[in-house]
Amino acid sequence: MGVAGFFALEALAREGDSAASLEASADDDGTTRLIIAAFGAAAVLGPILPRLPGPRLPRLAGPVGFGLEAGGLVLRAWSMRTLRGSYSRTLRIEDEQPVITSGPYRLVRHPGYLGSLATWTGFALASRSVAVVGLVGGLLGRAYQRRIAAEERLLGREADSRYLVRALVGGSGGFEADPRVRE
């Protein structure tokens, strides 16, 4: 259910050709391909692994997983709506793109990534399979770890002309913006 919603959101909520493009720059550092491969592996193996013998999670994991999927989709959709055409599939910064500190970005540094991880973790928990939880957590956790590191490098390189990225997580998700910030 949640994963179908995730792919529907991916297909329908991108605003503009640039945001929907899979054409990655060098700044992307291969993270888009890594994330897509992790999604594919989780989507294919997620329904298969629970049928194999192995440890199972308690029944409560199912409803908790569905709730986490729903919450993840809401957070991801909110992030996409807040950034609009700047919410892209690959790492990129458009000319004159402001730093956004409103919506979920005032609370969390990477709410779209958190929404994705919550959706897929919910999918894994709903299966009640320890193997699926390990697969999804390992693959997507590593993929998003690399993605966030690549994004931080990109943001850090742009600091002089666009904005200042702070290591301390604050009220704006850790960003201290320059005067051109759009609220």
N, C-alpha and C. Protein backbone atom coordinates (compact mmCIF):
# COMPACT_ATOMS: atom_id res chain seq x y z
N MET A 1 0.83 -1.19 0.00
CA MET A 1 0.00 0.00 0.00
C MET A 1 0.87 1.26 0.00
N GLY A 2 1.73 1.42 1.04
CA GLY A 2 2.56 2.61 1.14
C GLY A 2 3.56 2.73 0.03
N VAL A 3 4.12 1.60 -0.40
CA VAL A 3 5.11 1.64 -1.48
C VAL A 3 4.43 2.02 -2.79
N ALA A 4 3.21 1.54 -3.02
CA ALA A 4 2.46 1.96 -4.22
C ALA A 4 2.22 3.46 -4.17
N GLY A 5 1.88 3.98 -2.98
CA GLY A 5 1.71 5.41 -2.82
C GLY A 5 3.00 6.17 -3.05
N PHE A 6 4.11 5.59 -2.61
CA PHE A 6 5.41 6.20 -2.82
C PHE A 6 5.69 6.37 -4.31
N PHE A 7 5.49 5.28 -5.08
CA PHE A 7 5.76 5.36 -6.52
C PHE A 7 4.76 6.28 -7.23
N ALA A 8 3.50 6.30 -6.77
CA ALA A 8 2.52 7.23 -7.35
C ALA A 8 2.93 8.67 -7.08
N LEU A 9 3.37 8.94 -5.87
CA LEU A 9 3.83 10.28 -5.52
C LEU A 9 5.02 10.68 -6.38
N GLU A 10 5.96 9.75 -6.57
CA GLU A 10 7.11 10.01 -7.43
C GLU A 10 6.68 10.36 -8.85
N ALA A 11 5.70 9.65 -9.35
CA ALA A 11 5.26 9.84 -10.74
C ALA A 11 4.45 11.12 -10.92
N LEU A 12 3.67 11.50 -9.93
CA LEU A 12 2.70 12.57 -10.11
C LEU A 12 3.06 13.91 -9.49
N ALA A 13 3.91 13.93 -8.48
CA ALA A 13 4.10 15.16 -7.71
C ALA A 13 5.29 16.01 -8.13
N ARG A 14 6.10 15.56 -9.06
CA ARG A 14 7.24 16.37 -9.50
C ARG A 14 6.73 17.53 -10.35
N GLU A 15 7.28 18.71 -10.11
CA GLU A 15 6.87 19.90 -10.85
C GLU A 15 7.96 20.32 -11.81
N GLY A 16 7.73 20.13 -13.08
CA GLY A 16 8.67 20.56 -14.11
C GLY A 16 9.59 19.46 -14.57
N ASP A 17 10.08 19.64 -15.79
CA ASP A 17 10.96 18.63 -16.40
C ASP A 17 12.27 18.47 -15.63
N SER A 18 12.82 19.55 -15.14
CA SER A 18 14.09 19.48 -14.42
C SER A 18 13.95 18.64 -13.15
N ALA A 19 12.85 18.83 -12.42
CA ALA A 19 12.63 18.09 -11.17
C ALA A 19 12.41 16.61 -11.43
N ALA A 20 11.81 16.27 -12.56
CA ALA A 20 11.50 14.87 -12.88
C ALA A 20 12.65 14.16 -13.58
N SER A 21 13.63 14.90 -14.02
CA SER A 21 14.73 14.33 -14.79
C SER A 21 15.58 13.37 -13.95
N LEU A 22 16.07 12.34 -14.61
CA LEU A 22 17.03 11.42 -13.99
C LEU A 22 18.45 11.71 -14.47
N GLU A 23 18.63 12.80 -15.21
CA GLU A 23 19.95 13.17 -15.70
C GLU A 23 20.75 13.77 -14.54
N ALA A 24 21.75 13.05 -14.12
CA ALA A 24 22.51 13.43 -12.92
C ALA A 24 23.78 14.18 -13.29
N SER A 25 24.13 15.14 -12.46
CA SER A 25 25.39 15.85 -12.61
C SER A 25 26.47 15.11 -11.83
N ALA A 26 27.69 15.58 -11.92
CA ALA A 26 28.78 14.99 -11.15
C ALA A 26 28.54 15.15 -9.65
N ASP A 27 27.81 16.21 -9.26
CA ASP A 27 27.50 16.43 -7.85
C ASP A 27 26.68 15.30 -7.25
N ASP A 28 25.91 14.63 -8.08
CA ASP A 28 25.05 13.54 -7.64
C ASP A 28 25.87 12.36 -7.12
N ASP A 29 27.07 12.18 -7.65
CA ASP A 29 28.01 11.15 -7.19
C ASP A 29 27.42 9.74 -7.25
N GLY A 30 26.55 9.50 -8.23
CA GLY A 30 25.96 8.17 -8.41
C GLY A 30 24.88 7.82 -7.41
N THR A 31 24.47 8.78 -6.58
CA THR A 31 23.51 8.46 -5.52
C THR A 31 22.10 8.20 -6.05
N THR A 32 21.72 8.85 -7.15
CA THR A 32 20.39 8.59 -7.71
C THR A 32 20.29 7.14 -8.18
N ARG A 33 21.30 6.67 -8.89
CA ARG A 33 21.30 5.27 -9.33
C ARG A 33 21.29 4.32 -8.14
N LEU A 34 22.05 4.65 -7.10
CA LEU A 34 22.10 3.81 -5.91
C LEU A 34 20.73 3.74 -5.23
N ILE A 35 20.07 4.87 -5.10
CA ILE A 35 18.75 4.91 -4.47
C ILE A 35 17.74 4.13 -5.31
N ILE A 36 17.76 4.30 -6.62
CA ILE A 36 16.84 3.56 -7.49
C ILE A 36 17.08 2.06 -7.38
N ALA A 37 18.34 1.65 -7.36
CA ALA A 37 18.66 0.22 -7.21
C ALA A 37 18.17 -0.30 -5.86
N ALA A 38 18.33 0.49 -4.79
CA ALA A 38 17.86 0.07 -3.47
C ALA A 38 16.34 -0.05 -3.45
N PHE A 39 15.63 0.93 -4.06
CA PHE A 39 14.16 0.83 -4.17
C PHE A 39 13.76 -0.44 -4.90
N GLY A 40 14.43 -0.69 -6.03
CA GLY A 40 14.10 -1.87 -6.84
C GLY A 40 14.31 -3.17 -6.07
N ALA A 41 15.45 -3.28 -5.41
CA ALA A 41 15.73 -4.50 -4.63
C ALA A 41 14.72 -4.67 -3.50
N ALA A 42 14.39 -3.59 -2.81
CA ALA A 42 13.43 -3.67 -1.71
C ALA A 42 12.04 -4.03 -2.24
N ALA A 43 11.63 -3.44 -3.36
CA ALA A 43 10.30 -3.70 -3.91
C ALA A 43 10.18 -5.14 -4.41
N VAL A 44 11.24 -5.68 -4.99
CA VAL A 44 11.19 -7.05 -5.52
C VAL A 44 11.36 -8.08 -4.40
N LEU A 45 12.37 -7.88 -3.55
CA LEU A 45 12.66 -8.87 -2.52
C LEU A 45 11.75 -8.75 -1.29
N GLY A 46 11.20 -7.57 -1.07
CA GLY A 46 10.33 -7.37 0.09
C GLY A 46 9.16 -8.35 0.17
N PRO A 47 8.45 -8.61 -0.91
CA PRO A 47 7.35 -9.59 -0.85
C PRO A 47 7.83 -11.05 -0.86
N ILE A 48 9.05 -11.31 -1.30
CA ILE A 48 9.54 -12.69 -1.41
C ILE A 48 10.13 -13.18 -0.08
N LEU A 49 10.94 -12.37 0.56
CA LEU A 49 11.65 -12.80 1.77
C LEU A 49 10.73 -13.27 2.90
N PRO A 50 9.57 -12.66 3.13
CA PRO A 50 8.71 -13.15 4.23
C PRO A 50 8.21 -14.59 4.02
N ARG A 51 8.25 -15.06 2.81
CA ARG A 51 7.78 -16.43 2.53
C ARG A 51 8.83 -17.48 2.86
N LEU A 52 10.06 -17.03 3.06
CA LEU A 52 11.14 -17.94 3.40
C LEU A 52 11.16 -18.16 4.92
N PRO A 53 11.67 -19.32 5.35
CA PRO A 53 11.76 -19.53 6.80
C PRO A 53 12.71 -18.50 7.44
N GLY A 54 12.35 -18.05 8.60
CA GLY A 54 13.19 -17.09 9.31
C GLY A 54 12.41 -16.42 10.41
N PRO A 55 13.09 -15.66 11.23
CA PRO A 55 12.42 -15.01 12.36
C PRO A 55 11.38 -14.00 11.90
N ARG A 56 10.32 -13.92 12.69
CA ARG A 56 9.22 -12.99 12.41
C ARG A 56 9.09 -11.97 13.54
N LEU A 57 8.65 -10.81 13.19
CA LEU A 57 8.38 -9.78 14.18
C LEU A 57 6.99 -10.01 14.77
N PRO A 58 6.71 -9.44 15.94
CA PRO A 58 5.37 -9.59 16.54
C PRO A 58 4.29 -9.01 15.64
N ARG A 59 3.06 -9.47 15.85
CA ARG A 59 1.92 -9.01 15.02
C ARG A 59 1.77 -7.49 15.02
N LEU A 60 2.09 -6.87 16.13
CA LEU A 60 1.96 -5.41 16.23
C LEU A 60 2.82 -4.68 15.20
N ALA A 61 3.88 -5.31 14.72
CA ALA A 61 4.75 -4.66 13.73
C ALA A 61 3.99 -4.32 12.45
N GLY A 62 2.99 -5.14 12.11
CA GLY A 62 2.20 -4.88 10.89
C GLY A 62 1.50 -3.54 10.92
N PRO A 63 0.61 -3.30 11.91
CA PRO A 63 -0.07 -2.01 11.95
C PRO A 63 0.87 -0.83 12.19
N VAL A 64 1.92 -1.05 12.99
CA VAL A 64 2.90 0.02 13.19
C VAL A 64 3.56 0.37 11.86
N GLY A 65 3.89 -0.65 11.08
CA GLY A 65 4.48 -0.44 9.76
C GLY A 65 3.58 0.35 8.83
N PHE A 66 2.29 -0.01 8.82
CA PHE A 66 1.35 0.72 7.95
C PHE A 66 1.24 2.18 8.37
N GLY A 67 1.23 2.43 9.68
CA GLY A 67 1.19 3.81 10.16
C GLY A 67 2.44 4.58 9.78
N LEU A 68 3.59 3.93 9.87
CA LEU A 68 4.85 4.57 9.49
C LEU A 68 4.89 4.85 7.99
N GLU A 69 4.36 3.93 7.20
CA GLU A 69 4.28 4.18 5.75
C GLU A 69 3.45 5.42 5.47
N ALA A 70 2.28 5.50 6.10
CA ALA A 70 1.39 6.64 5.87
C ALA A 70 2.05 7.95 6.30
N GLY A 71 2.66 7.95 7.48
CA GLY A 71 3.35 9.15 7.95
C GLY A 71 4.50 9.55 7.04
N GLY A 72 5.24 8.57 6.55
CA GLY A 72 6.34 8.85 5.63
C GLY A 72 5.86 9.47 4.33
N LEU A 73 4.75 8.95 3.81
CA LEU A 73 4.19 9.52 2.57
C LEU A 73 3.74 10.96 2.78
N VAL A 74 3.11 11.22 3.92
CA VAL A 74 2.65 12.59 4.20
C VAL A 74 3.86 13.53 4.30
N LEU A 75 4.89 13.13 5.01
CA LEU A 75 6.09 13.97 5.14
C LEU A 75 6.75 14.20 3.79
N ARG A 76 6.86 13.15 2.99
CA ARG A 76 7.48 13.29 1.66
C ARG A 76 6.65 14.21 0.76
N ALA A 77 5.33 14.04 0.78
CA ALA A 77 4.46 14.90 -0.03
C ALA A 77 4.56 16.36 0.43
N TRP A 78 4.60 16.59 1.73
CA TRP A 78 4.74 17.93 2.28
C TRP A 78 6.06 18.54 1.83
N SER A 79 7.12 17.76 1.86
CA SER A 79 8.44 18.24 1.42
C SER A 79 8.41 18.62 -0.06
N MET A 80 7.80 17.76 -0.87
CA MET A 80 7.73 18.01 -2.31
C MET A 80 6.91 19.27 -2.59
N ARG A 81 5.81 19.41 -1.87
CA ARG A 81 4.96 20.59 -2.08
C ARG A 81 5.67 21.87 -1.64
N THR A 82 6.44 21.79 -0.58
CA THR A 82 7.15 22.97 -0.08
C THR A 82 8.22 23.42 -1.07
N LEU A 83 8.99 22.48 -1.61
CA LEU A 83 10.07 22.84 -2.54
C LEU A 83 9.60 23.03 -3.98
N ARG A 84 8.44 22.46 -4.29
CA ARG A 84 7.86 22.54 -5.65
C ARG A 84 8.87 22.09 -6.70
N GLY A 85 9.16 22.90 -7.69
CA GLY A 85 10.04 22.52 -8.80
C GLY A 85 11.49 22.30 -8.41
N SER A 86 11.87 22.71 -7.21
CA SER A 86 13.24 22.50 -6.75
C SER A 86 13.44 21.12 -6.13
N TYR A 87 12.34 20.39 -5.92
CA TYR A 87 12.44 19.03 -5.35
C TYR A 87 12.73 18.08 -6.50
N SER A 88 14.00 17.81 -6.72
CA SER A 88 14.40 17.05 -7.90
C SER A 88 14.85 15.64 -7.53
N ARG A 89 14.85 14.77 -8.52
CA ARG A 89 15.28 13.38 -8.30
C ARG A 89 16.79 13.27 -8.14
N THR A 90 17.52 14.18 -8.74
CA THR A 90 18.98 14.16 -8.65
C THR A 90 19.44 15.39 -7.88
N LEU A 91 20.68 15.38 -7.45
CA LEU A 91 21.21 16.55 -6.74
C LEU A 91 21.52 17.65 -7.74
N ARG A 92 20.96 18.80 -7.49
CA ARG A 92 21.21 19.96 -8.34
C ARG A 92 20.77 21.21 -7.61
N ILE A 93 21.37 22.32 -7.96
CA ILE A 93 20.94 23.62 -7.47
C ILE A 93 20.68 24.46 -8.71
N GLU A 94 19.50 25.00 -8.79
CA GLU A 94 19.12 25.86 -9.91
C GLU A 94 19.58 27.29 -9.63
N ASP A 95 19.77 28.06 -10.69
CA ASP A 95 20.13 29.47 -10.52
C ASP A 95 19.07 30.16 -9.68
N GLU A 96 19.54 30.97 -8.76
CA GLU A 96 18.67 31.77 -7.89
C GLU A 96 17.69 30.91 -7.08
N GLN A 97 18.03 29.69 -6.82
CA GLN A 97 17.19 28.84 -5.97
C GLN A 97 17.36 29.26 -4.53
N PRO A 98 16.28 29.67 -3.87
CA PRO A 98 16.41 30.10 -2.47
C PRO A 98 16.52 28.90 -1.53
N VAL A 99 17.03 29.16 -0.35
CA VAL A 99 17.01 28.17 0.71
C VAL A 99 15.62 28.25 1.35
N ILE A 100 14.99 27.13 1.52
CA ILE A 100 13.65 27.10 2.11
C ILE A 100 13.77 26.70 3.57
N THR A 101 13.18 27.51 4.44
CA THR A 101 13.20 27.22 5.87
C THR A 101 11.78 27.15 6.43
N SER A 102 10.81 26.96 5.56
CA SER A 102 9.43 26.84 6.00
C SER A 102 8.97 25.39 5.82
N GLY A 103 7.72 25.14 6.19
CA GLY A 103 7.20 23.78 6.05
C GLY A 103 8.02 22.81 6.87
N PRO A 104 8.20 21.59 6.37
CA PRO A 104 8.94 20.60 7.14
C PRO A 104 10.43 20.93 7.28
N TYR A 105 10.92 21.83 6.44
CA TYR A 105 12.33 22.21 6.48
C TYR A 105 12.66 23.07 7.70
N ARG A 106 11.68 23.60 8.37
CA ARG A 106 11.95 24.33 9.61
C ARG A 106 12.16 23.37 10.77
N LEU A 107 11.77 22.10 10.58
CA LEU A 107 11.85 21.10 11.64
C LEU A 107 12.94 20.05 11.43
N VAL A 108 13.16 19.68 10.16
CA VAL A 108 14.05 18.57 9.82
C VAL A 108 14.94 19.01 8.67
N ARG A 109 16.19 18.66 8.73
CA ARG A 109 17.15 19.07 7.70
C ARG A 109 16.86 18.42 6.34
N HIS A 110 16.47 17.15 6.33
CA HIS A 110 16.20 16.42 5.09
C HIS A 110 14.84 15.70 5.19
N PRO A 111 13.73 16.44 5.21
CA PRO A 111 12.43 15.79 5.43
C PRO A 111 12.00 14.85 4.30
N GLY A 112 12.38 15.13 3.07
CA GLY A 112 12.02 14.23 1.97
C GLY A 112 12.70 12.88 2.12
N TYR A 113 13.97 12.90 2.51
CA TYR A 113 14.70 11.66 2.73
C TYR A 113 14.12 10.92 3.94
N LEU A 114 13.81 11.66 5.00
CA LEU A 114 13.20 11.04 6.17
C LEU A 114 11.86 10.41 5.81
N GLY A 115 11.07 11.10 4.98
CA GLY A 115 9.79 10.55 4.54
C GLY A 115 9.97 9.26 3.74
N SER A 116 10.96 9.25 2.87
CA SER A 116 11.25 8.03 2.10
C SER A 116 11.65 6.88 3.01
N LEU A 117 12.58 7.16 3.92
CA LEU A 117 13.03 6.12 4.85
C LEU A 117 11.89 5.62 5.73
N ALA A 118 11.03 6.52 6.18
CA ALA A 118 9.89 6.10 7.00
C ALA A 118 8.93 5.22 6.19
N THR A 119 8.67 5.60 4.95
CA THR A 119 7.77 4.81 4.10
C THR A 119 8.32 3.41 3.89
N TRP A 120 9.57 3.31 3.52
CA TRP A 120 10.16 2.01 3.25
C TRP A 120 10.39 1.20 4.52
N THR A 121 10.70 1.85 5.63
CA THR A 121 10.82 1.13 6.89
C THR A 121 9.46 0.60 7.32
N GLY A 122 8.42 1.39 7.11
CA GLY A 122 7.06 0.93 7.39
C GLY A 122 6.69 -0.28 6.55
N PHE A 123 7.06 -0.23 5.28
CA PHE A 123 6.84 -1.38 4.37
C PHE A 123 7.53 -2.62 4.94
N ALA A 124 8.75 -2.46 5.40
CA ALA A 124 9.51 -3.59 5.94
C ALA A 124 8.86 -4.11 7.22
N LEU A 125 8.49 -3.21 8.12
CA LEU A 125 7.85 -3.64 9.36
C LEU A 125 6.52 -4.34 9.11
N ALA A 126 5.76 -3.82 8.15
CA ALA A 126 4.46 -4.42 7.83
C ALA A 126 4.59 -5.87 7.36
N SER A 127 5.72 -6.20 6.79
CA SER A 127 5.95 -7.58 6.34
C SER A 127 6.18 -8.52 7.52
N ARG A 128 6.55 -7.96 8.66
CA ARG A 128 6.88 -8.71 9.87
C ARG A 128 8.07 -9.63 9.69
N SER A 129 8.85 -9.41 8.66
CA SER A 129 10.02 -10.24 8.37
C SER A 129 11.28 -9.52 8.83
N VAL A 130 12.05 -10.18 9.68
CA VAL A 130 13.32 -9.61 10.12
C VAL A 130 14.25 -9.42 8.92
N ALA A 131 14.20 -10.36 7.97
CA ALA A 131 15.05 -10.26 6.78
C ALA A 131 14.71 -9.03 5.95
N VAL A 132 13.43 -8.72 5.81
CA VAL A 132 13.03 -7.54 5.03
C VAL A 132 13.46 -6.27 5.75
N VAL A 133 13.29 -6.23 7.06
CA VAL A 133 13.72 -5.05 7.82
C VAL A 133 15.22 -4.84 7.65
N GLY A 134 15.99 -5.92 7.72
CA GLY A 134 17.44 -5.82 7.52
C GLY A 134 17.80 -5.37 6.12
N LEU A 135 17.13 -5.93 5.12
CA LEU A 135 17.39 -5.58 3.72
C LEU A 135 17.08 -4.11 3.46
N VAL A 136 15.88 -3.70 3.82
CA VAL A 136 15.46 -2.32 3.57
C VAL A 136 16.32 -1.34 4.36
N GLY A 137 16.52 -1.64 5.65
CA GLY A 137 17.34 -0.74 6.47
C GLY A 137 18.76 -0.63 5.96
N GLY A 138 19.34 -1.76 5.58
CA GLY A 138 20.72 -1.75 5.09
C GLY A 138 20.86 -1.04 3.75
N LEU A 139 20.02 -1.42 2.79
CA LEU A 139 20.15 -0.84 1.45
C LEU A 139 19.80 0.64 1.42
N LEU A 140 18.62 0.97 1.94
CA LEU A 140 18.19 2.37 1.87
C LEU A 140 18.94 3.25 2.86
N GLY A 141 19.28 2.69 4.01
CA GLY A 141 20.07 3.47 4.96
C GLY A 141 21.40 3.89 4.36
N ARG A 142 22.08 2.96 3.73
CA ARG A 142 23.38 3.27 3.10
C ARG A 142 23.20 4.22 1.91
N ALA A 143 22.17 3.98 1.09
CA ALA A 143 21.95 4.83 -0.08
C ALA A 143 21.70 6.28 0.35
N TYR A 144 20.84 6.48 1.35
CA TYR A 144 20.55 7.85 1.79
C TYR A 144 21.71 8.45 2.57
N GLN A 145 22.49 7.63 3.24
CA GLN A 145 23.69 8.14 3.90
C GLN A 145 24.63 8.75 2.86
N ARG A 146 24.84 8.04 1.76
CA ARG A 146 25.69 8.56 0.69
C ARG A 146 25.07 9.80 0.04
N ARG A 147 23.75 9.78 -0.15
CA ARG A 147 23.06 10.91 -0.78
C ARG A 147 23.20 12.16 0.07
N ILE A 148 22.97 12.03 1.36
CA ILE A 148 23.05 13.19 2.25
C ILE A 148 24.48 13.74 2.28
N ALA A 149 25.47 12.86 2.30
CA ALA A 149 26.87 13.31 2.28
C ALA A 149 27.17 14.07 0.98
N ALA A 150 26.69 13.57 -0.15
CA ALA A 150 26.90 14.25 -1.43
C ALA A 150 26.19 15.60 -1.44
N GLU A 151 24.99 15.65 -0.89
CA GLU A 151 24.24 16.91 -0.84
C GLU A 151 24.94 17.92 0.06
N GLU A 152 25.44 17.47 1.19
CA GLU A 152 26.15 18.39 2.09
C GLU A 152 27.41 18.95 1.42
N ARG A 153 28.12 18.11 0.66
CA ARG A 153 29.30 18.61 -0.08
C ARG A 153 28.87 19.67 -1.09
N LEU A 154 27.78 19.42 -1.80
CA LEU A 154 27.29 20.38 -2.78
C LEU A 154 26.88 21.68 -2.10
N LEU A 155 26.15 21.60 -1.02
CA LEU A 155 25.72 22.80 -0.31
C LEU A 155 26.92 23.55 0.28
N GLY A 156 27.88 22.82 0.80
CA GLY A 156 29.07 23.46 1.36
C GLY A 156 29.88 24.21 0.32
N ARG A 157 29.95 23.67 -0.89
CA ARG A 157 30.69 24.32 -1.97
C ARG A 157 30.00 25.59 -2.43
N GLU A 158 28.70 25.64 -2.30
CA GLU A 158 27.93 26.80 -2.74
C GLU A 158 27.79 27.86 -1.64
N ALA A 159 28.41 27.65 -0.50
CA ALA A 159 28.19 28.51 0.68
C ALA A 159 28.49 29.98 0.43
N ASP A 160 29.55 30.29 -0.31
CA ASP A 160 29.92 31.69 -0.48
C ASP A 160 28.85 32.50 -1.19
N SER A 161 28.23 31.93 -2.20
CA SER A 161 27.33 32.74 -3.01
C SER A 161 25.87 32.52 -2.72
N ARG A 162 25.50 31.47 -2.07
CA ARG A 162 24.08 31.15 -1.95
C ARG A 162 23.57 31.09 -0.51
N TYR A 163 24.26 30.42 0.36
CA TYR A 163 23.80 30.26 1.73
C TYR A 163 24.90 29.62 2.56
N LEU A 164 24.70 29.67 3.85
CA LEU A 164 25.67 29.11 4.78
C LEU A 164 25.04 27.87 5.41
N VAL A 165 25.72 26.75 5.28
CA VAL A 165 25.23 25.53 5.89
C VAL A 165 25.91 25.39 7.24
N ARG A 166 25.12 25.19 8.25
CA ARG A 166 25.67 25.05 9.60
C ARG A 166 25.62 23.61 10.02
N ALA A 167 26.61 23.16 10.73
CA ALA A 167 26.65 21.79 11.21
C ALA A 167 25.67 21.57 12.36
N LEU A 168 25.34 22.64 13.07
CA LEU A 168 24.42 22.50 14.19
C LEU A 168 23.00 22.47 13.69
N VAL A 169 22.22 21.51 14.13
CA VAL A 169 20.83 21.41 13.72
C VAL A 169 20.04 22.39 14.58
N GLY A 170 19.37 23.30 13.90
CA GLY A 170 18.59 24.32 14.59
C GLY A 170 17.16 24.31 14.13
N GLY A 171 16.46 25.39 14.38
CA GLY A 171 15.06 25.49 14.04
C GLY A 171 14.77 25.42 12.56
N SER A 172 15.77 25.72 11.72
CA SER A 172 15.54 25.66 10.28
C SER A 172 16.23 24.44 9.68
N GLY A 173 16.24 23.37 10.43
CA GLY A 173 16.83 22.14 9.92
C GLY A 173 18.34 22.24 9.79
N GLY A 174 18.96 23.20 10.46
CA GLY A 174 20.40 23.30 10.42
C GLY A 174 20.92 24.31 9.42
N PHE A 175 20.05 25.01 8.72
CA PHE A 175 20.51 26.00 7.74
C PHE A 175 20.40 27.38 8.32
N GLU A 176 21.44 28.16 8.14
CA GLU A 176 21.34 29.59 8.43
C GLU A 176 21.38 30.25 7.07
N ALA A 177 20.31 30.90 6.72
CA ALA A 177 20.17 31.41 5.36
C ALA A 177 20.69 32.83 5.22
N ASP A 178 21.01 33.18 3.98
CA ASP A 178 21.41 34.54 3.69
C ASP A 178 20.14 35.38 3.51
N PRO A 179 20.27 36.69 3.29
CA PRO A 179 19.09 37.55 3.20
C PRO A 179 18.15 37.23 2.04
N ARG A 180 18.59 36.42 1.08
CA ARG A 180 17.73 36.10 -0.07
C ARG A 180 16.81 34.91 0.18
N VAL A 181 16.75 34.44 1.42
CA VAL A 181 15.93 33.28 1.75
C VAL A 181 14.46 33.59 1.59
N ARG A 182 13.74 32.62 1.05
CA ARG A 182 12.29 32.77 0.91
C ARG A 182 11.62 31.96 2.01
N GLU A 183 10.79 32.59 2.79
CA GLU A 183 10.04 31.90 3.85
C GLU A 183 8.74 31.37 3.31
